[in-house]
Amino acid sequence: NGVHTGFADNFITMNKKYIAAIAVILGVSSASQIYGAELVHRYSFPANSVWSPDGYYILEDSVGDADGRTYGSAYCSDIYDEFGNIIGSGLYLDGKGNTRSFTEGSFAALPANLISEYASYSVETWITGYGTNNWQRVFDFGSCGINEDGTIGDGKEYHTLIWRNNDGNMRADQRCEGVSDGQIGAGAALPVNDFVLHHVVYTLDGENHRLCIYVDGVLKGSGTA
């Protein structure tokens, strides 16, 4: 079974892999803020996240006012180290369900247009993987088509960070108006089942049209977007 990590902006993405995310932070900057980015959203996924009567966890934005929600089998719970000690809490995505469904996968959805107003932004995450299926996502922000049967179609405009692609590598993609504007490799995907929360940061510098991926404090990939 695949897993997916999906934090969707305008649409819900496919689920492909098993990943736990302890926190997702979104910061933005512009040319006039080049030395001081502003934190605009933070999602921490506490184990005691509110359970909605409608059957999902509410993912509280502790900085902005843009709460998200889980779908399918995604859930918030404690995270354990290799010795069984609690080291935090996070969002678990097990990849179960229909990977082409807008409602029946294992993913988290954030409000629409979360990043569309920003020319530059960073997404900071702490994540660990528990499987080796390809096309695991850390996040997908963007829009997609809808197939005739109502399922998820191909992506139209999006920014996505892929934990593991077909080649077993981490990758960032950007696509605007149906054209691929950037594809940045970041070397081999991180180990699975290592009980380590890896610090992964994706940045988009809109002024200089540049994408960067940092893993555990090291720049792993960059290029023109």
N, C-alpha and C. Protein backbone atom coordinates (compact mmCIF):
# COMPACT_ATOMS: atom_id res chain seq x y z
N ASN A 1 0.86 -1.18 0.00
CA ASN A 1 0.00 0.00 0.00
C ASN A 1 0.89 1.23 0.00
N GLY A 2 0.59 2.17 -0.83
CA GLY A 2 1.39 3.37 -0.87
C GLY A 2 1.00 4.33 0.21
N VAL A 3 1.74 5.37 0.39
CA VAL A 3 1.31 6.45 1.26
C VAL A 3 1.53 7.72 0.54
N HIS A 4 1.06 8.67 1.05
CA HIS A 4 1.20 9.95 0.46
C HIS A 4 1.20 10.95 1.58
N THR A 5 1.91 11.99 1.38
CA THR A 5 1.78 13.12 2.27
C THR A 5 1.22 14.21 1.41
N GLY A 6 0.08 14.67 1.65
CA GLY A 6 -0.48 15.70 0.83
C GLY A 6 -1.07 16.82 1.65
N PHE A 7 -0.56 18.00 1.48
CA PHE A 7 -1.18 19.18 2.05
C PHE A 7 -1.68 19.97 0.86
N ALA A 8 -2.96 19.94 0.61
CA ALA A 8 -3.48 20.47 -0.64
C ALA A 8 -3.92 21.90 -0.48
N ASP A 9 -3.68 22.68 -1.50
CA ASP A 9 -4.04 24.10 -1.50
C ASP A 9 -5.42 24.24 -2.14
N ASN A 10 -5.50 24.06 -3.43
CA ASN A 10 -6.75 24.26 -4.15
C ASN A 10 -7.47 22.94 -4.41
N PHE A 11 -6.77 21.85 -4.24
CA PHE A 11 -7.36 20.55 -4.52
C PHE A 11 -6.73 19.49 -3.62
N ILE A 12 -7.29 18.32 -3.63
CA ILE A 12 -6.77 17.22 -2.85
C ILE A 12 -5.89 16.38 -3.75
N THR A 13 -4.69 16.06 -3.31
CA THR A 13 -3.77 15.31 -4.15
C THR A 13 -3.88 13.81 -3.92
N MET A 14 -3.20 13.06 -4.77
CA MET A 14 -3.20 11.60 -4.63
C MET A 14 -2.38 11.19 -3.41
N ASN A 15 -2.78 10.09 -2.77
CA ASN A 15 -1.97 9.58 -1.67
C ASN A 15 -1.13 8.41 -2.15
N LYS A 16 0.15 8.42 -1.75
CA LYS A 16 1.07 7.43 -2.29
C LYS A 16 2.01 6.77 -1.28
N LYS A 17 2.16 7.20 -0.06
CA LYS A 17 3.19 6.62 0.79
C LYS A 17 2.92 6.83 2.26
N TYR A 18 3.61 6.14 3.11
CA TYR A 18 3.36 6.27 4.55
C TYR A 18 4.34 7.22 5.18
N ILE A 19 3.88 8.33 5.63
CA ILE A 19 4.75 9.37 6.18
C ILE A 19 4.09 10.00 7.39
N ALA A 20 4.90 10.35 8.35
CA ALA A 20 4.41 11.10 9.50
C ALA A 20 5.04 12.49 9.47
N ALA A 21 4.23 13.50 9.65
CA ALA A 21 4.72 14.88 9.66
C ALA A 21 4.44 15.46 11.03
N ILE A 22 5.47 15.97 11.69
CA ILE A 22 5.28 16.51 13.03
C ILE A 22 4.82 17.96 12.99
N ALA A 23 5.21 18.69 11.96
CA ALA A 23 4.78 20.08 11.85
C ALA A 23 4.99 20.58 10.43
N VAL A 24 4.14 21.48 10.03
CA VAL A 24 4.31 22.16 8.75
C VAL A 24 4.21 23.65 9.00
N ILE A 25 5.18 24.39 8.54
CA ILE A 25 5.23 25.83 8.76
C ILE A 25 5.36 26.54 7.43
N LEU A 26 4.56 27.55 7.21
CA LEU A 26 4.61 28.31 5.97
C LEU A 26 5.02 29.74 6.28
N GLY A 27 6.12 30.17 5.66
CA GLY A 27 6.58 31.54 5.81
C GLY A 27 6.67 32.19 4.46
N VAL A 28 6.49 33.49 4.40
CA VAL A 28 6.52 34.19 3.11
C VAL A 28 7.42 35.40 3.20
N SER A 29 7.89 35.83 2.05
CA SER A 29 8.71 37.04 1.98
C SER A 29 8.52 37.68 0.62
N SER A 30 8.92 38.90 0.49
CA SER A 30 8.90 39.59 -0.79
C SER A 30 10.22 40.34 -0.92
N ALA A 31 10.38 41.05 -2.03
CA ALA A 31 11.63 41.79 -2.22
C ALA A 31 11.87 42.77 -1.09
N SER A 32 10.81 43.34 -0.54
CA SER A 32 10.97 44.31 0.53
C SER A 32 11.16 43.64 1.89
N GLN A 33 11.01 42.31 1.93
CA GLN A 33 11.15 41.59 3.18
C GLN A 33 12.31 40.59 3.12
N ILE A 34 13.26 40.86 2.27
CA ILE A 34 14.29 39.89 1.97
C ILE A 34 15.07 39.47 3.21
N TYR A 35 15.17 40.34 4.21
CA TYR A 35 15.92 40.00 5.41
C TYR A 35 15.03 39.63 6.58
N GLY A 36 13.73 39.54 6.37
CA GLY A 36 12.84 39.20 7.47
C GLY A 36 11.55 38.60 7.00
N ALA A 37 11.55 37.28 6.77
CA ALA A 37 10.34 36.62 6.31
C ALA A 37 9.30 36.59 7.42
N GLU A 38 8.05 36.54 7.04
CA GLU A 38 6.93 36.55 7.98
C GLU A 38 6.33 35.15 8.07
N LEU A 39 6.15 34.66 9.30
CA LEU A 39 5.49 33.38 9.51
C LEU A 39 3.99 33.60 9.41
N VAL A 40 3.33 32.89 8.48
CA VAL A 40 1.91 33.13 8.26
C VAL A 40 1.01 31.95 8.62
N HIS A 41 1.57 30.72 8.65
CA HIS A 41 0.77 29.55 9.02
C HIS A 41 1.65 28.54 9.75
N ARG A 42 1.07 27.84 10.72
CA ARG A 42 1.79 26.75 11.38
C ARG A 42 0.79 25.65 11.75
N TYR A 43 1.13 24.42 11.37
CA TYR A 43 0.31 23.25 11.68
C TYR A 43 1.17 22.26 12.45
N SER A 44 0.79 21.94 13.68
CA SER A 44 1.63 21.11 14.54
C SER A 44 1.08 19.70 14.77
N PHE A 45 -0.17 19.43 14.43
CA PHE A 45 -0.77 18.10 14.50
C PHE A 45 -0.65 17.45 15.88
N PRO A 46 -1.10 18.11 16.95
CA PRO A 46 -1.02 17.49 18.28
C PRO A 46 -1.89 16.24 18.36
N ALA A 47 -1.48 15.33 19.25
CA ALA A 47 -2.21 14.07 19.41
C ALA A 47 -3.64 14.30 19.88
N ASN A 48 -3.86 15.40 20.57
CA ASN A 48 -5.21 15.72 21.07
C ASN A 48 -5.95 16.68 20.13
N SER A 49 -5.62 16.63 18.83
CA SER A 49 -6.33 17.46 17.86
C SER A 49 -7.83 17.20 17.94
N VAL A 50 -8.60 18.25 17.72
CA VAL A 50 -10.06 18.16 17.85
C VAL A 50 -10.62 17.23 16.78
N TRP A 51 -11.48 16.32 17.21
CA TRP A 51 -12.17 15.39 16.31
C TRP A 51 -13.55 15.95 16.00
N SER A 52 -13.80 16.20 14.72
CA SER A 52 -15.07 16.78 14.32
C SER A 52 -16.19 15.74 14.39
N PRO A 53 -17.41 16.16 14.75
CA PRO A 53 -18.56 15.24 14.71
C PRO A 53 -18.81 14.67 13.31
N ASP A 54 -18.26 15.34 12.28
CA ASP A 54 -18.43 14.88 10.91
C ASP A 54 -17.41 13.81 10.51
N GLY A 55 -16.52 13.45 11.45
CA GLY A 55 -15.63 12.32 11.21
C GLY A 55 -14.25 12.62 10.68
N TYR A 56 -13.62 13.68 11.14
CA TYR A 56 -12.25 13.99 10.72
C TYR A 56 -11.57 14.83 11.79
N TYR A 57 -10.23 14.86 11.75
CA TYR A 57 -9.48 15.72 12.65
C TYR A 57 -9.41 17.14 12.09
N ILE A 58 -9.56 18.12 12.96
CA ILE A 58 -9.37 19.51 12.57
C ILE A 58 -7.90 19.86 12.79
N LEU A 59 -7.24 20.35 11.75
CA LEU A 59 -5.82 20.68 11.81
C LEU A 59 -5.68 22.18 12.04
N GLU A 60 -5.43 22.54 13.27
CA GLU A 60 -5.44 23.95 13.67
C GLU A 60 -4.22 24.69 13.16
N ASP A 61 -4.46 25.85 12.60
CA ASP A 61 -3.41 26.79 12.20
C ASP A 61 -3.19 27.71 13.39
N SER A 62 -2.07 27.54 14.10
CA SER A 62 -1.84 28.29 15.34
C SER A 62 -1.33 29.70 15.10
N VAL A 63 -1.03 30.05 13.86
CA VAL A 63 -0.54 31.40 13.55
C VAL A 63 -1.56 32.18 12.73
N GLY A 64 -2.05 31.58 11.67
CA GLY A 64 -3.05 32.24 10.82
C GLY A 64 -4.44 31.77 11.16
N ASP A 65 -5.33 31.94 10.25
CA ASP A 65 -6.73 31.53 10.44
C ASP A 65 -7.13 30.65 9.28
N ALA A 66 -6.38 29.55 9.11
CA ALA A 66 -6.60 28.70 7.95
C ALA A 66 -6.55 27.23 8.37
N ASP A 67 -7.46 26.83 9.22
CA ASP A 67 -7.49 25.44 9.70
C ASP A 67 -7.72 24.48 8.55
N GLY A 68 -7.09 23.32 8.63
CA GLY A 68 -7.28 22.27 7.65
C GLY A 68 -8.04 21.10 8.25
N ARG A 69 -8.06 19.98 7.55
CA ARG A 69 -8.76 18.80 8.03
C ARG A 69 -8.13 17.55 7.42
N THR A 70 -8.36 16.41 8.05
CA THR A 70 -7.91 15.14 7.51
C THR A 70 -9.00 14.51 6.66
N TYR A 71 -8.58 13.60 5.80
CA TYR A 71 -9.49 12.78 5.02
C TYR A 71 -9.09 11.32 5.16
N GLY A 72 -10.08 10.44 4.99
CA GLY A 72 -9.80 9.02 4.99
C GLY A 72 -9.19 8.55 6.31
N SER A 73 -8.11 7.77 6.20
CA SER A 73 -7.49 7.16 7.38
C SER A 73 -6.39 8.01 7.99
N ALA A 74 -6.18 9.23 7.51
CA ALA A 74 -5.18 10.10 8.12
C ALA A 74 -5.58 10.44 9.55
N TYR A 75 -4.59 10.49 10.46
CA TYR A 75 -4.91 10.78 11.86
C TYR A 75 -3.72 11.42 12.56
N CYS A 76 -4.01 12.07 13.68
CA CYS A 76 -2.98 12.69 14.51
C CYS A 76 -2.71 11.80 15.71
N SER A 77 -1.44 11.62 16.05
CA SER A 77 -1.10 10.72 17.15
C SER A 77 0.31 11.04 17.65
N ASP A 78 0.70 10.40 18.77
CA ASP A 78 2.06 10.53 19.27
C ASP A 78 3.04 9.88 18.30
N ILE A 79 4.27 10.38 18.32
CA ILE A 79 5.36 9.80 17.54
C ILE A 79 6.37 9.20 18.51
N TYR A 80 6.86 8.00 18.20
CA TYR A 80 7.75 7.28 19.10
C TYR A 80 9.13 7.10 18.47
N ASP A 81 10.16 7.04 19.34
CA ASP A 81 11.49 6.71 18.85
C ASP A 81 11.67 5.20 18.84
N GLU A 82 12.86 4.73 18.50
CA GLU A 82 13.10 3.30 18.37
C GLU A 82 13.00 2.55 19.70
N PHE A 83 13.00 3.29 20.80
CA PHE A 83 12.90 2.66 22.12
C PHE A 83 11.49 2.73 22.70
N GLY A 84 10.56 3.26 21.91
CA GLY A 84 9.19 3.36 22.37
C GLY A 84 8.88 4.60 23.17
N ASN A 85 9.80 5.57 23.19
CA ASN A 85 9.57 6.81 23.92
C ASN A 85 8.85 7.82 23.04
N ILE A 86 7.92 8.56 23.61
CA ILE A 86 7.22 9.60 22.86
C ILE A 86 8.15 10.78 22.63
N ILE A 87 8.32 11.17 21.38
CA ILE A 87 9.21 12.29 21.06
C ILE A 87 8.44 13.45 20.45
N GLY A 88 7.13 13.33 20.37
CA GLY A 88 6.32 14.40 19.83
C GLY A 88 5.00 13.84 19.32
N SER A 89 4.34 14.59 18.52
CA SER A 89 3.09 14.14 17.90
C SER A 89 3.10 14.58 16.45
N GLY A 90 2.27 13.95 15.63
CA GLY A 90 2.29 14.30 14.22
C GLY A 90 1.10 13.75 13.47
N LEU A 91 1.11 13.98 12.18
CA LEU A 91 0.07 13.54 11.28
C LEU A 91 0.55 12.28 10.57
N TYR A 92 -0.22 11.20 10.66
CA TYR A 92 0.12 9.94 10.01
C TYR A 92 -0.72 9.75 8.75
N LEU A 93 -0.05 9.40 7.65
CA LEU A 93 -0.71 9.15 6.38
C LEU A 93 -0.30 7.76 5.91
N ASP A 94 -1.26 6.85 5.84
CA ASP A 94 -0.92 5.45 5.58
C ASP A 94 -1.15 5.00 4.15
N GLY A 95 -1.62 5.88 3.29
CA GLY A 95 -1.76 5.55 1.88
C GLY A 95 -2.94 4.67 1.53
N LYS A 96 -3.80 4.39 2.47
CA LYS A 96 -4.96 3.53 2.19
C LYS A 96 -6.04 4.32 1.46
N GLY A 97 -6.93 3.60 0.80
CA GLY A 97 -8.05 4.26 0.13
C GLY A 97 -7.80 4.48 -1.35
N ASN A 98 -8.74 5.13 -1.98
CA ASN A 98 -8.70 5.41 -3.41
C ASN A 98 -7.79 6.59 -3.68
N THR A 99 -6.67 6.35 -4.34
CA THR A 99 -5.70 7.42 -4.55
C THR A 99 -6.15 8.47 -5.55
N ARG A 100 -7.24 8.23 -6.26
CA ARG A 100 -7.76 9.20 -7.22
C ARG A 100 -9.03 9.90 -6.71
N SER A 101 -9.37 9.63 -5.47
CA SER A 101 -10.60 10.20 -4.92
C SER A 101 -10.31 11.52 -4.22
N PHE A 102 -11.26 12.45 -4.31
CA PHE A 102 -11.16 13.72 -3.60
C PHE A 102 -11.48 13.57 -2.12
N THR A 103 -12.04 12.45 -1.72
CA THR A 103 -12.50 12.30 -0.33
C THR A 103 -12.09 10.99 0.32
N GLU A 104 -11.55 10.02 -0.43
CA GLU A 104 -11.33 8.69 0.12
C GLU A 104 -9.87 8.26 0.07
N GLY A 105 -8.99 9.08 0.50
CA GLY A 105 -7.59 8.72 0.53
C GLY A 105 -7.06 8.83 1.94
N SER A 106 -5.77 9.06 2.05
CA SER A 106 -5.13 9.30 3.35
C SER A 106 -4.31 10.57 3.20
N PHE A 107 -4.93 11.70 3.52
CA PHE A 107 -4.27 12.98 3.27
C PHE A 107 -4.87 14.06 4.16
N ALA A 108 -4.21 15.19 4.16
CA ALA A 108 -4.72 16.38 4.85
C ALA A 108 -4.97 17.45 3.80
N ALA A 109 -6.00 18.23 4.00
CA ALA A 109 -6.34 19.31 3.08
C ALA A 109 -6.31 20.64 3.83
N LEU A 110 -5.69 21.62 3.22
CA LEU A 110 -5.65 22.97 3.77
C LEU A 110 -6.54 23.87 2.91
N PRO A 111 -6.92 25.04 3.41
CA PRO A 111 -7.84 25.90 2.66
C PRO A 111 -7.29 26.29 1.28
N ALA A 112 -8.19 26.57 0.38
CA ALA A 112 -7.82 26.99 -0.97
C ALA A 112 -7.08 28.32 -0.96
N ASN A 113 -6.23 28.50 -1.96
CA ASN A 113 -5.50 29.76 -2.18
C ASN A 113 -4.59 30.12 -1.01
N LEU A 114 -4.02 29.11 -0.35
CA LEU A 114 -3.18 29.35 0.81
C LEU A 114 -1.89 30.07 0.45
N ILE A 115 -1.34 29.78 -0.73
CA ILE A 115 -0.06 30.38 -1.12
C ILE A 115 -0.15 31.21 -2.39
N SER A 116 -1.31 31.24 -3.03
CA SER A 116 -1.41 31.84 -4.36
C SER A 116 -1.11 33.34 -4.38
N GLU A 117 -1.25 34.01 -3.25
CA GLU A 117 -1.01 35.46 -3.24
C GLU A 117 0.45 35.81 -3.03
N TYR A 118 1.31 34.79 -2.82
CA TYR A 118 2.71 35.07 -2.50
C TYR A 118 3.62 34.73 -3.67
N ALA A 119 4.53 35.64 -3.99
CA ALA A 119 5.51 35.39 -5.05
C ALA A 119 6.65 34.53 -4.53
N SER A 120 6.94 34.64 -3.23
CA SER A 120 8.02 33.87 -2.61
C SER A 120 7.50 33.28 -1.31
N TYR A 121 7.93 32.08 -1.01
CA TYR A 121 7.52 31.46 0.24
C TYR A 121 8.42 30.27 0.56
N SER A 122 8.35 29.82 1.81
CA SER A 122 9.05 28.62 2.26
C SER A 122 8.07 27.72 2.99
N VAL A 123 8.23 26.41 2.82
CA VAL A 123 7.47 25.43 3.58
C VAL A 123 8.48 24.60 4.37
N GLU A 124 8.35 24.64 5.69
CA GLU A 124 9.29 23.95 6.58
C GLU A 124 8.57 22.78 7.24
N THR A 125 9.14 21.58 7.16
CA THR A 125 8.49 20.38 7.69
C THR A 125 9.48 19.53 8.49
N TRP A 126 8.91 18.70 9.36
CA TRP A 126 9.68 17.65 10.04
C TRP A 126 8.96 16.35 9.75
N ILE A 127 9.61 15.43 9.05
CA ILE A 127 8.91 14.25 8.58
C ILE A 127 9.78 13.00 8.69
N THR A 128 9.11 11.86 8.73
CA THR A 128 9.81 10.57 8.68
C THR A 128 8.99 9.62 7.81
N GLY A 129 9.68 8.73 7.11
CA GLY A 129 9.00 7.83 6.19
C GLY A 129 8.97 6.40 6.71
N TYR A 130 7.92 5.67 6.32
CA TYR A 130 7.77 4.28 6.75
C TYR A 130 7.51 3.34 5.57
N GLY A 131 7.93 3.68 4.39
CA GLY A 131 7.69 2.82 3.25
C GLY A 131 8.49 3.29 2.05
N THR A 132 8.49 2.48 0.99
CA THR A 132 9.34 2.77 -0.16
C THR A 132 8.57 2.92 -1.46
N ASN A 133 7.27 3.09 -1.40
CA ASN A 133 6.51 3.30 -2.64
C ASN A 133 6.90 4.61 -3.29
N ASN A 134 6.81 4.64 -4.61
CA ASN A 134 7.19 5.84 -5.35
C ASN A 134 6.09 6.89 -5.33
N TRP A 135 6.49 8.11 -5.62
CA TRP A 135 5.62 9.27 -5.72
C TRP A 135 4.95 9.63 -4.39
N GLN A 136 5.68 9.45 -3.32
CA GLN A 136 5.25 9.96 -2.02
C GLN A 136 5.41 11.47 -2.04
N ARG A 137 4.38 12.17 -1.58
CA ARG A 137 4.44 13.63 -1.54
C ARG A 137 4.63 14.11 -0.10
N VAL A 138 5.39 15.17 0.05
CA VAL A 138 5.39 15.91 1.31
C VAL A 138 4.24 16.91 1.27
N PHE A 139 4.07 17.58 0.14
CA PHE A 139 2.90 18.45 -0.04
C PHE A 139 2.65 18.65 -1.52
N ASP A 140 1.46 19.08 -1.83
CA ASP A 140 1.04 19.52 -3.16
C ASP A 140 0.18 20.77 -2.98
N PHE A 141 0.59 21.86 -3.56
CA PHE A 141 -0.24 23.06 -3.60
C PHE A 141 -0.57 23.32 -5.06
N GLY A 142 -1.86 23.49 -5.37
CA GLY A 142 -2.17 23.80 -6.76
C GLY A 142 -3.58 23.44 -7.17
N SER A 143 -3.75 23.15 -8.45
CA SER A 143 -5.06 22.82 -8.99
C SER A 143 -4.93 21.64 -9.93
N CYS A 144 -6.05 20.96 -10.19
CA CYS A 144 -6.01 19.80 -11.06
C CYS A 144 -7.30 19.71 -11.87
N GLY A 145 -7.27 18.88 -12.88
CA GLY A 145 -8.47 18.60 -13.64
C GLY A 145 -9.32 17.55 -12.94
N ILE A 146 -10.53 17.38 -13.42
CA ILE A 146 -11.44 16.37 -12.88
C ILE A 146 -11.84 15.43 -14.01
N ASN A 147 -11.65 14.13 -13.80
CA ASN A 147 -11.99 13.15 -14.82
C ASN A 147 -13.51 13.02 -14.97
N GLU A 148 -13.95 12.37 -16.02
CA GLU A 148 -15.38 12.21 -16.28
C GLU A 148 -16.09 11.47 -15.15
N ASP A 149 -15.36 10.58 -14.47
CA ASP A 149 -15.99 9.84 -13.37
C ASP A 149 -15.91 10.58 -12.05
N GLY A 150 -15.45 11.83 -12.08
CA GLY A 150 -15.39 12.64 -10.87
C GLY A 150 -14.13 12.47 -10.05
N THR A 151 -13.18 11.68 -10.52
CA THR A 151 -11.94 11.47 -9.79
C THR A 151 -10.90 12.52 -10.17
N ILE A 152 -9.79 12.51 -9.43
CA ILE A 152 -8.72 13.48 -9.64
C ILE A 152 -8.06 13.28 -11.00
N GLY A 153 -7.93 14.36 -11.75
CA GLY A 153 -7.26 14.31 -13.04
C GLY A 153 -5.83 14.78 -12.93
N ASP A 154 -5.24 15.11 -14.04
CA ASP A 154 -3.86 15.57 -14.06
C ASP A 154 -3.74 16.95 -13.44
N GLY A 155 -2.57 17.21 -12.84
CA GLY A 155 -2.32 18.51 -12.26
C GLY A 155 -2.23 19.59 -13.34
N LYS A 156 -2.73 20.77 -13.02
CA LYS A 156 -2.67 21.90 -13.96
C LYS A 156 -1.58 22.87 -13.54
N GLU A 157 -1.76 23.49 -12.40
CA GLU A 157 -0.76 24.41 -11.86
C GLU A 157 -0.48 23.97 -10.44
N TYR A 158 0.79 23.76 -10.12
CA TYR A 158 1.09 23.25 -8.78
C TYR A 158 2.55 23.47 -8.40
N HIS A 159 2.77 23.44 -7.10
CA HIS A 159 4.09 23.36 -6.51
C HIS A 159 4.06 22.11 -5.63
N THR A 160 4.99 21.21 -5.80
CA THR A 160 4.96 19.97 -5.02
C THR A 160 6.36 19.55 -4.61
N LEU A 161 6.45 18.95 -3.44
CA LEU A 161 7.71 18.37 -2.96
C LEU A 161 7.49 16.87 -2.84
N ILE A 162 8.26 16.11 -3.59
CA ILE A 162 8.11 14.65 -3.69
C ILE A 162 9.19 13.98 -2.86
N TRP A 163 8.76 13.19 -1.89
CA TRP A 163 9.69 12.48 -1.01
C TRP A 163 10.50 11.44 -1.79
N ARG A 164 9.83 10.74 -2.70
CA ARG A 164 10.49 9.67 -3.46
C ARG A 164 9.83 9.53 -4.84
N ASN A 165 10.60 9.72 -5.91
CA ASN A 165 10.04 9.56 -7.24
C ASN A 165 10.36 8.17 -7.79
N ASN A 166 10.15 7.95 -9.08
CA ASN A 166 10.40 6.62 -9.67
C ASN A 166 11.86 6.21 -9.60
N ASP A 167 12.75 7.17 -9.51
CA ASP A 167 14.18 6.89 -9.43
C ASP A 167 14.67 6.76 -8.00
N GLY A 168 13.74 6.85 -7.04
CA GLY A 168 14.13 6.75 -5.64
C GLY A 168 14.75 8.02 -5.09
N ASN A 169 14.46 9.17 -5.73
CA ASN A 169 15.05 10.44 -5.31
C ASN A 169 14.00 11.42 -4.82
N MET A 170 14.43 12.36 -4.00
CA MET A 170 13.58 13.48 -3.60
C MET A 170 13.58 14.50 -4.72
N ARG A 171 12.44 15.16 -4.92
CA ARG A 171 12.35 16.09 -6.04
C ARG A 171 11.30 17.16 -5.76
N ALA A 172 11.52 18.35 -6.29
CA ALA A 172 10.53 19.43 -6.24
C ALA A 172 10.11 19.75 -7.66
N ASP A 173 8.82 19.96 -7.86
CA ASP A 173 8.29 20.32 -9.17
C ASP A 173 7.46 21.59 -9.08
N GLN A 174 7.52 22.37 -10.14
CA GLN A 174 6.64 23.54 -10.27
C GLN A 174 6.06 23.53 -11.67
N ARG A 175 4.76 23.77 -11.77
CA ARG A 175 4.09 23.78 -13.07
C ARG A 175 3.08 24.92 -13.10
N CYS A 176 3.16 25.75 -14.12
CA CYS A 176 2.25 26.88 -14.26
C CYS A 176 1.65 26.89 -15.66
N GLU A 177 0.33 27.05 -15.71
CA GLU A 177 -0.40 27.12 -16.97
C GLU A 177 -0.09 25.92 -17.87
N GLY A 178 0.00 24.73 -17.25
CA GLY A 178 0.20 23.52 -18.01
C GLY A 178 1.61 23.27 -18.49
N VAL A 179 2.56 24.13 -18.13
CA VAL A 179 3.94 23.99 -18.58
C VAL A 179 4.84 23.79 -17.37
N SER A 180 5.74 22.82 -17.44
CA SER A 180 6.67 22.57 -16.35
C SER A 180 7.70 23.69 -16.32
N ASP A 181 7.75 24.43 -15.20
CA ASP A 181 8.66 25.55 -15.07
C ASP A 181 9.90 25.22 -14.25
N GLY A 182 9.90 24.08 -13.60
CA GLY A 182 11.05 23.75 -12.77
C GLY A 182 10.95 22.35 -12.21
N GLN A 183 12.08 21.64 -12.19
CA GLN A 183 12.13 20.30 -11.64
C GLN A 183 13.50 20.16 -11.00
N ILE A 184 13.52 20.13 -9.67
CA ILE A 184 14.78 20.18 -8.93
C ILE A 184 14.99 18.87 -8.18
N GLY A 185 16.10 18.19 -8.46
CA GLY A 185 16.45 16.97 -7.75
C GLY A 185 17.20 17.29 -6.47
N ALA A 186 17.03 16.41 -5.46
CA ALA A 186 17.71 16.63 -4.18
C ALA A 186 18.39 15.35 -3.69
N GLY A 187 18.82 14.51 -4.62
CA GLY A 187 19.53 13.30 -4.24
C GLY A 187 18.60 12.20 -3.76
N ALA A 188 19.19 11.14 -3.25
CA ALA A 188 18.43 9.96 -2.83
C ALA A 188 17.42 10.30 -1.75
N ALA A 189 16.26 9.63 -1.81
CA ALA A 189 15.24 9.80 -0.78
C ALA A 189 15.83 9.41 0.58
N LEU A 190 15.30 10.00 1.63
CA LEU A 190 15.81 9.72 2.97
C LEU A 190 15.44 8.31 3.40
N PRO A 191 16.19 7.75 4.35
CA PRO A 191 15.92 6.38 4.80
C PRO A 191 14.52 6.25 5.38
N VAL A 192 13.98 5.04 5.31
CA VAL A 192 12.69 4.75 5.92
C VAL A 192 12.91 3.94 7.19
N ASN A 193 11.94 4.03 8.10
CA ASN A 193 11.99 3.29 9.36
C ASN A 193 13.26 3.58 10.16
N ASP A 194 13.76 4.81 10.07
CA ASP A 194 14.97 5.15 10.84
C ASP A 194 14.64 5.89 12.13
N PHE A 195 13.33 6.09 12.40
CA PHE A 195 12.87 6.74 13.62
C PHE A 195 13.46 8.13 13.80
N VAL A 196 13.77 8.77 12.68
CA VAL A 196 14.34 10.12 12.73
C VAL A 196 13.38 11.09 12.07
N LEU A 197 13.12 12.20 12.74
CA LEU A 197 12.32 13.27 12.15
C LEU A 197 13.26 14.18 11.37
N HIS A 198 13.19 14.09 10.06
CA HIS A 198 14.08 14.87 9.21
C HIS A 198 13.50 16.25 8.95
N HIS A 199 14.36 17.24 8.98
CA HIS A 199 13.97 18.63 8.75
C HIS A 199 14.10 18.91 7.26
N VAL A 200 12.97 19.10 6.58
CA VAL A 200 12.96 19.32 5.13
C VAL A 200 12.31 20.67 4.85
N VAL A 201 13.00 21.51 4.09
CA VAL A 201 12.51 22.85 3.77
C VAL A 201 12.53 23.06 2.26
N TYR A 202 11.41 23.55 1.76
CA TYR A 202 11.26 23.90 0.34
C TYR A 202 11.11 25.41 0.26
N THR A 203 11.89 26.06 -0.59
CA THR A 203 11.78 27.51 -0.74
C THR A 203 11.60 27.88 -2.21
N LEU A 204 10.78 28.87 -2.43
CA LEU A 204 10.60 29.45 -3.76
C LEU A 204 10.92 30.93 -3.68
N ASP A 205 11.93 31.35 -4.40
CA ASP A 205 12.31 32.75 -4.52
C ASP A 205 11.74 33.27 -5.82
N GLY A 206 10.57 33.91 -5.73
CA GLY A 206 9.89 34.36 -6.93
C GLY A 206 10.63 35.43 -7.68
N GLU A 207 11.32 36.31 -6.96
CA GLU A 207 12.03 37.42 -7.61
C GLU A 207 13.16 36.90 -8.50
N ASN A 208 13.86 35.86 -8.01
CA ASN A 208 14.98 35.31 -8.76
C ASN A 208 14.64 33.99 -9.44
N HIS A 209 13.37 33.60 -9.38
CA HIS A 209 12.88 32.38 -10.05
C HIS A 209 13.73 31.17 -9.67
N ARG A 210 13.85 30.94 -8.36
CA ARG A 210 14.73 29.87 -7.88
C ARG A 210 14.04 28.99 -6.85
N LEU A 211 14.18 27.67 -7.02
CA LEU A 211 13.70 26.69 -6.06
C LEU A 211 14.88 26.09 -5.32
N CYS A 212 14.71 25.82 -4.02
CA CYS A 212 15.75 25.16 -3.23
C CYS A 212 15.12 24.13 -2.30
N ILE A 213 15.85 23.04 -2.06
CA ILE A 213 15.44 22.02 -1.10
C ILE A 213 16.57 21.85 -0.09
N TYR A 214 16.24 22.00 1.19
CA TYR A 214 17.19 21.78 2.27
C TYR A 214 16.76 20.56 3.07
N VAL A 215 17.70 19.68 3.40
CA VAL A 215 17.41 18.50 4.20
C VAL A 215 18.37 18.46 5.38
N ASP A 216 17.81 18.49 6.58
CA ASP A 216 18.60 18.47 7.81
C ASP A 216 19.69 19.54 7.80
N GLY A 217 19.30 20.73 7.34
CA GLY A 217 20.21 21.88 7.38
C GLY A 217 21.17 22.00 6.21
N VAL A 218 21.10 21.07 5.25
CA VAL A 218 22.03 21.08 4.12
C VAL A 218 21.26 21.32 2.81
N LEU A 219 21.76 22.22 1.97
CA LEU A 219 21.15 22.43 0.66
C LEU A 219 21.38 21.20 -0.21
N LYS A 220 20.30 20.53 -0.61
CA LYS A 220 20.42 19.29 -1.38
C LYS A 220 20.13 19.48 -2.87
N GLY A 221 19.42 20.54 -3.19
CA GLY A 221 19.10 20.76 -4.59
C GLY A 221 18.61 22.17 -4.81
N SER A 222 18.96 22.75 -5.97
CA SER A 222 18.48 24.09 -6.31
C SER A 222 18.50 24.25 -7.81
N GLY A 223 17.71 25.21 -8.28
CA GLY A 223 17.70 25.46 -9.71
C GLY A 223 16.70 26.54 -10.06
N THR A 224 16.66 26.90 -11.33
CA THR A 224 15.78 27.96 -11.81
C THR A 224 14.38 27.43 -11.98
N ALA A 225 13.38 28.22 -11.51
CA ALA A 225 11.98 27.82 -11.63
C ALA A 225 11.31 28.60 -12.75
